């Protein structure tokens, strides 16, 4: 019997590696199949307590921008997720529409506000030379290797399926592709990452993206534990000893 989102959500599994956020517009099963193949543990939920407990997030997305934002508001987890990602700096990977809603706004089907976590706007792809939507494989030019593209070689190709893309400052662009015009293929801003393509449909190169993201998540977790151990075992400061803070 094939797995369903509900059966996966109901598994009594403590989230270890990542929480895949279910807000009604994601292509979850393909992503979960990729995570299973790589051997990572995950949980699927939009519950506030699960969001607080998780140490990292994948935000999938397929469909319309306004529907995605409407679902997030109705499910009521926007503020909790913002606190975990923006204040506590937990890593998040947005995929396709999941990357787009990180922006300030979108012009898809009118004007709609996004999460506003990155400065940028989602605009319609405009080119007389190519067909829109952009569906299929495209080579990607990497601007920043670490951490998402640390395992890729050369200019890898990924699978795209979209009609809109993020227009943002070049300082947060980690990869681009050319489809009639230059398109933002990936972004990164501190602990926030996004890809316009679908890693779960991009064969080995896509699996490398997930592995790089999880390596980043685990390295941060290991670093936090190391810092905690160092703090716990640090010598106690003696009264009047000012050198302990230097």
C-alpha atoms as a PDB file:
ATOM      1  CA  UNK A   1       0.000   0.000   0.000  1.00  0.00           C
ATOM      2  CA  UNK A   2       1.443   3.361  -1.020  1.00  0.00           C
ATOM      3  CA  UNK A   3       2.238   5.857   1.705  1.00  0.00           C
ATOM      4  CA  UNK A   4       0.038   8.930   2.092  1.00  0.00           C
ATOM      5  CA  UNK A   5       0.721  12.243   3.784  1.00  0.00           C
ATOM      6  CA  UNK A   6      -1.733  11.374   6.557  1.00  0.00           C
ATOM      7  CA  UNK A   7      -0.075   8.019   7.267  1.00  0.00           C
ATOM      8  CA  UNK A   8       3.325   9.685   7.387  1.00  0.00           C
ATOM      9  CA  UNK A   9       2.079  12.493   9.625  1.00  0.00           C
ATOM     10  CA  UNK A  10       0.627   9.980  12.055  1.00  0.00           C
ATOM     11  CA  UNK A  11       3.848   7.986  12.466  1.00  0.00           C
ATOM     12  CA  UNK A  12       5.026   8.045  16.050  1.00  0.00           C
ATOM     13  CA  UNK A  13       8.501   9.282  15.168  1.00  0.00           C
ATOM     14  CA  UNK A  14      10.436  11.942  17.041  1.00  0.00           C
ATOM     15  CA  UNK A  15      11.742  14.480  14.508  1.00  0.00           C
ATOM     16  CA  UNK A  16      15.504  14.307  14.300  1.00  0.00           C
ATOM     17  CA  UNK A  17      16.811  15.789  11.084  1.00  0.00           C
ATOM     18  CA  UNK A  18      14.051  18.017   9.703  1.00  0.00           C
ATOM     19  CA  UNK A  19      10.400  19.012   9.793  1.00  0.00           C
ATOM     20  CA  UNK A  20       8.722  19.037   6.367  1.00  0.00           C
ATOM     21  CA  UNK A  21       6.018  21.677   6.697  1.00  0.00           C
ATOM     22  CA  UNK A  22       2.625  20.590   5.394  1.00  0.00           C
ATOM     23  CA  UNK A  23       0.461  23.561   4.470  1.00  0.00           C
ATOM     24  CA  UNK A  24      -1.587  22.092   1.643  1.00  0.00           C
ATOM     25  CA  UNK A  25       0.439  23.105  -1.414  1.00  0.00           C
ATOM     26  CA  UNK A  26       3.546  20.934  -1.283  1.00  0.00           C
ATOM     27  CA  UNK A  27       4.746  18.024  -3.379  1.00  0.00           C
ATOM     28  CA  UNK A  28       5.585  16.183  -0.167  1.00  0.00           C
ATOM     29  CA  UNK A  29       5.723  12.553  -1.254  1.00  0.00           C
ATOM     30  CA  UNK A  30       8.457  13.104  -3.845  1.00  0.00           C
ATOM     31  CA  UNK A  31      10.513  14.988  -1.280  1.00  0.00           C
ATOM     32  CA  UNK A  32       9.951  12.320   1.381  1.00  0.00           C
ATOM     33  CA  UNK A  33      10.989   9.601  -1.053  1.00  0.00           C
ATOM     34  CA  UNK A  34      14.263  11.467  -1.619  1.00  0.00           C
ATOM     35  CA  UNK A  35      14.829  11.842   2.134  1.00  0.00           C
ATOM     36  CA  UNK A  36      14.060   8.155   2.676  1.00  0.00           C
ATOM     37  CA  UNK A  37      16.545   7.215  -0.047  1.00  0.00           C
ATOM     38  CA  UNK A  38      19.233   9.301   1.654  1.00  0.00           C
ATOM     39  CA  UNK A  39      18.411   7.830   5.058  1.00  0.00           C
ATOM     40  CA  UNK A  40      17.343  11.043   6.813  1.00  0.00           C
ATOM     41  CA  UNK A  41      14.634  11.164   9.464  1.00  0.00           C
ATOM     42  CA  UNK A  42      11.806  13.660   9.166  1.00  0.00           C
ATOM     43  CA  UNK A  43       8.358  14.563  10.375  1.00  0.00           C
ATOM     44  CA  UNK A  44       5.494  16.098   8.379  1.00  0.00           C
ATOM     45  CA  UNK A  45       3.412  18.662  10.214  1.00  0.00           C
ATOM     46  CA  UNK A  46       2.233  22.260  10.524  1.00  0.00           C
ATOM     47  CA  UNK A  47       1.576  21.935  14.257  1.00  0.00           C
ATOM     48  CA  UNK A  48       3.063  24.765  16.307  1.00  0.00           C
ATOM     49  CA  UNK A  49       4.613  22.445  18.879  1.00  0.00           C
ATOM     50  CA  UNK A  50       6.273  20.368  16.150  1.00  0.00           C
ATOM     51  CA  UNK A  51       7.637  23.566  14.620  1.00  0.00           C
ATOM     52  CA  UNK A  52       9.078  24.635  17.974  1.00  0.00           C
ATOM     53  CA  UNK A  53      10.632  21.202  18.552  1.00  0.00           C
ATOM     54  CA  UNK A  54      12.271  20.874  15.123  1.00  0.00           C
ATOM     55  CA  UNK A  55      15.849  21.891  14.499  1.00  0.00           C
ATOM     56  CA  UNK A  56      15.433  22.571  10.752  1.00  0.00           C
ATOM     57  CA  UNK A  57      12.709  22.896   8.126  1.00  0.00           C
ATOM     58  CA  UNK A  58      11.874  22.120   4.521  1.00  0.00           C
ATOM     59  CA  UNK A  59       9.150  24.360   3.081  1.00  0.00           C
ATOM     60  CA  UNK A  60       7.835  22.748  -0.132  1.00  0.00           C
ATOM     61  CA  UNK A  61       5.448  24.445  -2.505  1.00  0.00           C
ATOM     62  CA  UNK A  62       3.587  23.787  -5.745  1.00  0.00           C
ATOM     63  CA  UNK A  63       0.756  25.993  -6.982  1.00  0.00           C
ATOM     64  CA  UNK A  64      -0.338  29.607  -6.554  1.00  0.00           C
ATOM     65  CA  UNK A  65       1.394  32.145  -4.315  1.00  0.00           C
ATOM     66  CA  UNK A  66      -1.825  33.587  -2.855  1.00  0.00           C
ATOM     67  CA  UNK A  67      -3.170  30.130  -1.981  1.00  0.00           C
ATOM     68  CA  UNK A  68       0.049  29.251  -0.184  1.00  0.00           C
ATOM     69  CA  UNK A  69      -0.027  32.427   1.921  1.00  0.00           C
ATOM     70  CA  UNK A  70      -3.738  31.990   2.647  1.00  0.00           C
ATOM     71  CA  UNK A  71      -3.126  28.452   3.919  1.00  0.00           C
ATOM     72  CA  UNK A  72      -0.270  29.588   6.154  1.00  0.00           C
ATOM     73  CA  UNK A  73      -2.452  32.272   7.710  1.00  0.00           C
ATOM     74  CA  UNK A  74      -5.369  29.873   8.213  1.00  0.00           C
ATOM     75  CA  UNK A  75      -3.164  27.237   9.827  1.00  0.00           C
ATOM     76  CA  UNK A  76      -1.803  29.897  12.172  1.00  0.00           C
ATOM     77  CA  UNK A  77       1.875  28.927  12.292  1.00  0.00           C
ATOM     78  CA  UNK A  78       3.396  31.988  10.593  1.00  0.00           C
ATOM     79  CA  UNK A  79       4.536  33.772  13.761  1.00  0.00           C
ATOM     80  CA  UNK A  80       5.886  30.598  15.377  1.00  0.00           C
ATOM     81  CA  UNK A  81       7.912  29.658  12.301  1.00  0.00           C
ATOM     82  CA  UNK A  82       9.210  33.224  12.011  1.00  0.00           C
ATOM     83  CA  UNK A  83      10.408  33.113  15.612  1.00  0.00           C
ATOM     84  CA  UNK A  84      12.245  29.819  15.085  1.00  0.00           C
ATOM     85  CA  UNK A  85      13.846  30.838  11.773  1.00  0.00           C
ATOM     86  CA  UNK A  86      14.448  34.573  12.146  1.00  0.00           C
ATOM     87  CA  UNK A  87      15.217  34.803  15.863  1.00  0.00           C
ATOM     88  CA  UNK A  88      16.553  31.363  16.782  1.00  0.00           C
ATOM     89  CA  UNK A  89      18.242  31.025  13.376  1.00  0.00           C
ATOM     90  CA  UNK A  90      17.119  27.471  12.641  1.00  0.00           C
ATOM     91  CA  UNK A  91      17.891  26.468   9.023  1.00  0.00           C
ATOM     92  CA  UNK A  92      15.091  26.462   6.459  1.00  0.00           C
ATOM     93  CA  UNK A  93      15.095  25.287   2.842  1.00  0.00           C
ATOM     94  CA  UNK A  94      12.294  26.586   0.614  1.00  0.00           C
ATOM     95  CA  UNK A  95      11.586  24.666  -2.587  1.00  0.00           C
ATOM     96  CA  UNK A  96      10.026  26.248  -5.701  1.00  0.00           C
ATOM     97  CA  UNK A  97       6.909  28.061  -4.420  1.00  0.00           C
ATOM     98  CA  UNK A  98       8.306  27.500  -0.928  1.00  0.00           C
ATOM     99  CA  UNK A  99      11.213  29.743  -1.916  1.00  0.00           C
ATOM    100  CA  UNK A 100       8.994  32.357  -3.541  1.00  0.00           C
ATOM    101  CA  UNK A 101       6.819  32.949  -0.475  1.00  0.00           C
ATOM    102  CA  UNK A 102       9.949  33.917   1.468  1.00  0.00           C
ATOM    103  CA  UNK A 103       9.920  37.147  -0.552  1.00  0.00           C
ATOM    104  CA  UNK A 104       8.081  40.376   0.233  1.00  0.00           C
ATOM    105  CA  UNK A 105       5.420  40.104  -2.449  1.00  0.00           C
ATOM    106  CA  UNK A 106       4.242  38.471  -5.669  1.00  0.00           C
ATOM    107  CA  UNK A 107       2.452  39.756  -8.748  1.00  0.00           C
ATOM    108  CA  UNK A 108       0.941  36.339  -9.500  1.00  0.00           C
ATOM    109  CA  UNK A 109      -2.849  36.702  -9.883  1.00  0.00           C
ATOM    110  CA  UNK A 110      -2.685  40.268  -8.530  1.00  0.00           C
ATOM    111  CA  UNK A 111      -0.593  41.704  -5.716  1.00  0.00           C
ATOM    112  CA  UNK A 112      -0.027  39.487  -2.670  1.00  0.00           C
ATOM    113  CA  UNK A 113       2.250  39.866   0.333  1.00  0.00           C
ATOM    114  CA  UNK A 114       4.696  37.103   1.197  1.00  0.00           C
ATOM    115  CA  UNK A 115       6.463  36.221   4.417  1.00  0.00           C
ATOM    116  CA  UNK A 116       8.902  39.076   3.815  1.00  0.00           C
ATOM    117  CA  UNK A 117      11.929  37.232   5.192  1.00  0.00           C
ATOM    118  CA  UNK A 118      14.088  38.222   2.238  1.00  0.00           C
ATOM    119  CA  UNK A 119      14.080  41.479   0.301  1.00  0.00           C
ATOM    120  CA  UNK A 120      12.723  40.717  -3.134  1.00  0.00           C
ATOM    121  CA  UNK A 121       9.605  40.317  -5.206  1.00  0.00           C
ATOM    122  CA  UNK A 122       8.177  37.491  -7.284  1.00  0.00           C
ATOM    123  CA  UNK A 123       7.600  38.564 -10.886  1.00  0.00           C
ATOM    124  CA  UNK A 124       6.364  36.973 -14.104  1.00  0.00           C
ATOM    125  CA  UNK A 125       8.954  35.502 -16.428  1.00  0.00           C
ATOM    126  CA  UNK A 126       8.965  37.624 -19.592  1.00  0.00           C
ATOM    127  CA  UNK A 127      10.703  36.568 -22.760  1.00  0.00           C
ATOM    128  CA  UNK A 128       9.664  36.359 -26.383  1.00  0.00           C
ATOM    129  CA  UNK A 129      12.350  33.775 -27.074  1.00  0.00           C
ATOM    130  CA  UNK A 130      11.185  30.960 -24.792  1.00  0.00           C
ATOM    131  CA  UNK A 131       7.947  29.340 -23.685  1.00  0.00           C
ATOM    132  CA  UNK A 132       6.469  30.107 -20.276  1.00  0.00           C
ATOM    133  CA  UNK A 133       6.089  28.207 -17.995  1.00  0.00           C
ATOM    134  CA  UNK A 134       9.686  27.123 -17.753  1.00  0.00           C
ATOM    135  CA  UNK A 135       9.412  23.332 -17.587  1.00  0.00           C
ATOM    136  CA  UNK A 136      12.357  20.988 -17.888  1.00  0.00           C
ATOM    137  CA  UNK A 137      16.085  20.730 -17.308  1.00  0.00           C
ATOM    138  CA  UNK A 138      18.389  23.717 -17.179  1.00  0.00           C
ATOM    139  CA  UNK A 139      22.046  24.237 -16.355  1.00  0.00           C
ATOM    140  CA  UNK A 140      22.723  26.326 -13.265  1.00  0.00           C
ATOM    141  CA  UNK A 141      25.564  28.780 -12.714  1.00  0.00           C
ATOM    142  CA  UNK A 142      26.737  28.649  -9.116  1.00  0.00           C
ATOM    143  CA  UNK A 143      27.586  31.948  -7.417  1.00  0.00           C
ATOM    144  CA  UNK A 144      28.141  30.574  -3.892  1.00  0.00           C
ATOM    145  CA  UNK A 145      29.257  26.991  -3.405  1.00  0.00           C
ATOM    146  CA  UNK A 146      28.771  26.630   0.326  1.00  0.00           C
ATOM    147  CA  UNK A 147      26.745  25.162   1.730  1.00  0.00           C
ATOM    148  CA  UNK A 148      24.034  24.055  -0.755  1.00  0.00           C
ATOM    149  CA  UNK A 149      26.268  23.486  -3.786  1.00  0.00           C
ATOM    150  CA  UNK A 150      29.309  22.170  -1.943  1.00  0.00           C
ATOM    151  CA  UNK A 151      28.882  18.686  -3.459  1.00  0.00           C
ATOM    152  CA  UNK A 152      28.017  19.662  -7.034  1.00  0.00           C
ATOM    153  CA  UNK A 153      30.527  19.737  -9.869  1.00  0.00           C
ATOM    154  CA  UNK A 154      30.807  22.385 -12.594  1.00  0.00           C
ATOM    155  CA  UNK A 155      27.518  23.869 -13.759  1.00  0.00           C
ATOM    156  CA  UNK A 156      25.003  21.170 -12.782  1.00  0.00           C
ATOM    157  CA  UNK A 157      21.538  20.848 -14.290  1.00  0.00           C
ATOM    158  CA  UNK A 158      18.273  20.743 -12.347  1.00  0.00           C
ATOM    159  CA  UNK A 159      14.584  20.306 -13.120  1.00  0.00           C
ATOM    160  CA  UNK A 160      12.424  23.462 -13.190  1.00  0.00           C
ATOM    161  CA  UNK A 161       8.654  23.999 -13.387  1.00  0.00           C
ATOM    162  CA  UNK A 162       7.544  27.612 -12.866  1.00  0.00           C
ATOM    163  CA  UNK A 163       6.185  30.772 -14.472  1.00  0.00           C
ATOM    164  CA  UNK A 164       7.365  33.266 -11.844  1.00  0.00           C
ATOM    165  CA  UNK A 165      10.742  33.916 -10.268  1.00  0.00           C
ATOM    166  CA  UNK A 166      12.290  36.014  -7.503  1.00  0.00           C
ATOM    167  CA  UNK A 167      13.810  39.374  -8.378  1.00  0.00           C
ATOM    168  CA  UNK A 168      16.198  40.227  -5.547  1.00  0.00           C
ATOM    169  CA  UNK A 169      19.565  41.731  -4.694  1.00  0.00           C
ATOM    170  CA  UNK A 170      22.534  39.848  -6.078  1.00  0.00           C
ATOM    171  CA  UNK A 171      24.068  39.581  -2.605  1.00  0.00           C
ATOM    172  CA  UNK A 172      21.660  36.785  -1.635  1.00  0.00           C
ATOM    173  CA  UNK A 173      21.706  34.911  -4.956  1.00  0.00           C
ATOM    174  CA  UNK A 174      23.652  31.651  -4.730  1.00  0.00           C
ATOM    175  CA  UNK A 175      22.840  30.330  -8.240  1.00  0.00           C
ATOM    176  CA  UNK A 176      21.252  31.477 -11.485  1.00  0.00           C
ATOM    177  CA  UNK A 177      20.078  29.906 -14.723  1.00  0.00           C
ATOM    178  CA  UNK A 178      19.414  31.339 -18.160  1.00  0.00           C
ATOM    179  CA  UNK A 179      15.996  30.910 -19.741  1.00  0.00           C
ATOM    180  CA  UNK A 180      15.477  33.795 -22.143  1.00  0.00           C
ATOM    181  CA  UNK A 181      16.893  35.947 -19.362  1.00  0.00           C
ATOM    182  CA  UNK A 182      18.882  35.356 -16.197  1.00  0.00           C
ATOM    183  CA  UNK A 183      16.722  33.805 -13.467  1.00  0.00           C
ATOM    184  CA  UNK A 184      17.384  33.405  -9.758  1.00  0.00           C
ATOM    185  CA  UNK A 185      17.796  29.653  -9.258  1.00  0.00           C
ATOM    186  CA  UNK A 186      18.823  29.672  -5.588  1.00  0.00           C
ATOM    187  CA  UNK A 187      19.155  32.088  -2.701  1.00  0.00           C
ATOM    188  CA  UNK A 188      20.772  32.088   0.711  1.00  0.00           C
ATOM    189  CA  UNK A 189      20.578  34.610   3.520  1.00  0.00           C
ATOM    190  CA  UNK A 190      22.221  33.477   6.739  1.00  0.00           C
ATOM    191  CA  UNK A 191      20.219  30.360   7.785  1.00  0.00           C
ATOM    192  CA  UNK A 192      17.547  30.784   5.087  1.00  0.00           C
ATOM    193  CA  UNK A 193      17.926  28.911   1.789  1.00  0.00           C
ATOM    194  CA  UNK A 194      15.725  28.536  -1.263  1.00  0.00           C
ATOM    195  CA  UNK A 195      15.837  26.828  -4.643  1.00  0.00           C
ATOM    196  CA  UNK A 196      13.560  27.519  -7.595  1.00  0.00           C
ATOM    197  CA  UNK A 197      14.144  24.069  -9.067  1.00  0.00           C
ATOM    198  CA  UNK A 198      12.921  20.747  -7.677  1.00  0.00           C
ATOM    199  CA  UNK A 199      15.794  18.790  -6.082  1.00  0.00           C
ATOM    200  CA  UNK A 200      13.541  15.738  -5.630  1.00  0.00           C
ATOM    201  CA  UNK A 201      13.088  15.585  -9.430  1.00  0.00           C
ATOM    202  CA  UNK A 202      16.696  16.396 -10.292  1.00  0.00           C
ATOM    203  CA  UNK A 203      18.267  12.954  -9.850  1.00  0.00           C
ATOM    204  CA  UNK A 204      21.784  12.875  -8.372  1.00  0.00           C
ATOM    205  CA  UNK A 205      22.304  16.630  -8.409  1.00  0.00           C
ATOM    206  CA  UNK A 206      19.100  17.100  -6.456  1.00  0.00           C
ATOM    207  CA  UNK A 207      20.115  14.501  -3.894  1.00  0.00           C
ATOM    208  CA  UNK A 208      23.392  16.379  -3.460  1.00  0.00           C
ATOM    209  CA  UNK A 209      21.439  19.519  -2.575  1.00  0.00           C
ATOM    210  CA  UNK A 210      19.539  17.711   0.174  1.00  0.00           C
ATOM    211  CA  UNK A 211      22.695  16.079   1.484  1.00  0.00           C
ATOM    212  CA  UNK A 212      24.505  19.425   1.601  1.00  0.00           C
ATOM    213  CA  UNK A 213      21.590  21.022   3.450  1.00  0.00           C
ATOM    214  CA  UNK A 214      21.492  18.228   6.026  1.00  0.00           C
ATOM    215  CA  UNK A 215      25.256  18.377   6.476  1.00  0.00           C
ATOM    216  CA  UNK A 216      24.840  22.085   7.211  1.00  0.00           C
ATOM    217  CA  UNK A 217      22.022  21.371   9.684  1.00  0.00           C
ATOM    218  CA  UNK A 218      24.023  18.695  11.488  1.00  0.00           C
ATOM    219  CA  UNK A 219      27.196  20.801  11.600  1.00  0.00           C
ATOM    220  CA  UNK A 220      25.249  23.620  13.256  1.00  0.00           C
ATOM    221  CA  UNK A 221      23.691  21.207  15.751  1.00  0.00           C
ATOM    222  CA  UNK A 222      27.085  19.679  16.556  1.00  0.00           C
ATOM    223  CA  UNK A 223      28.539  23.153  16.975  1.00  0.00           C
ATOM    224  CA  UNK A 224      25.755  24.157  19.352  1.00  0.00           C
ATOM    225  CA  UNK A 225      26.335  21.038  21.439  1.00  0.00           C
ATOM    226  CA  UNK A 226      30.079  21.710  21.484  1.00  0.00           C
ATOM    227  CA  UNK A 227      29.514  25.282  22.613  1.00  0.00           C
ATOM    228  CA  UNK A 228      27.165  24.051  25.322  1.00  0.00           C
ATOM    229  CA  UNK A 229      29.733  21.519  26.589  1.00  0.00           C
ATOM    230  CA  UNK A 230      32.450  24.161  26.629  1.00  0.00           C
ATOM    231  CA  UNK A 231      30.182  26.554  28.551  1.00  0.00           C
ATOM    232  CA  UNK A 232      29.072  23.866  31.004  1.00  0.00           C
ATOM    233  CA  UNK A 233      32.672  22.882  31.796  1.00  0.00           C
ATOM    234  CA  UNK A 234      34.181  26.352  31.765  1.00  0.00           C
ATOM    235  CA  UNK A 235      35.918  27.376  35.007  1.00  0.00           C
ATOM    236  CA  UNK A 236      33.733  29.472  37.248  1.00  0.00           C
ATOM    237  CA  UNK A 237      34.660  33.125  37.331  1.00  0.00           C
ATOM    238  CA  UNK A 238      36.101  34.174  40.662  1.00  0.00           C
ATOM    239  CA  UNK A 239      34.976  37.365  42.271  1.00  0.00           C
ATOM    240  CA  UNK A 240      37.280  40.180  41.250  1.00  0.00           C
ATOM    241  CA  UNK A 241      38.835  38.164  38.403  1.00  0.00           C
ATOM    242  CA  UNK A 242      38.436  40.402  35.340  1.00  0.00           C
ATOM    243  CA  UNK A 243      40.675  38.302  33.066  1.00  0.00           C
ATOM    244  CA  UNK A 244      38.046  35.545  32.704  1.00  0.00           C
ATOM    245  CA  UNK A 245      36.043  37.677  30.259  1.00  0.00           C
ATOM    246  CA  UNK A 246      38.955  38.725  28.093  1.00  0.00           C
END
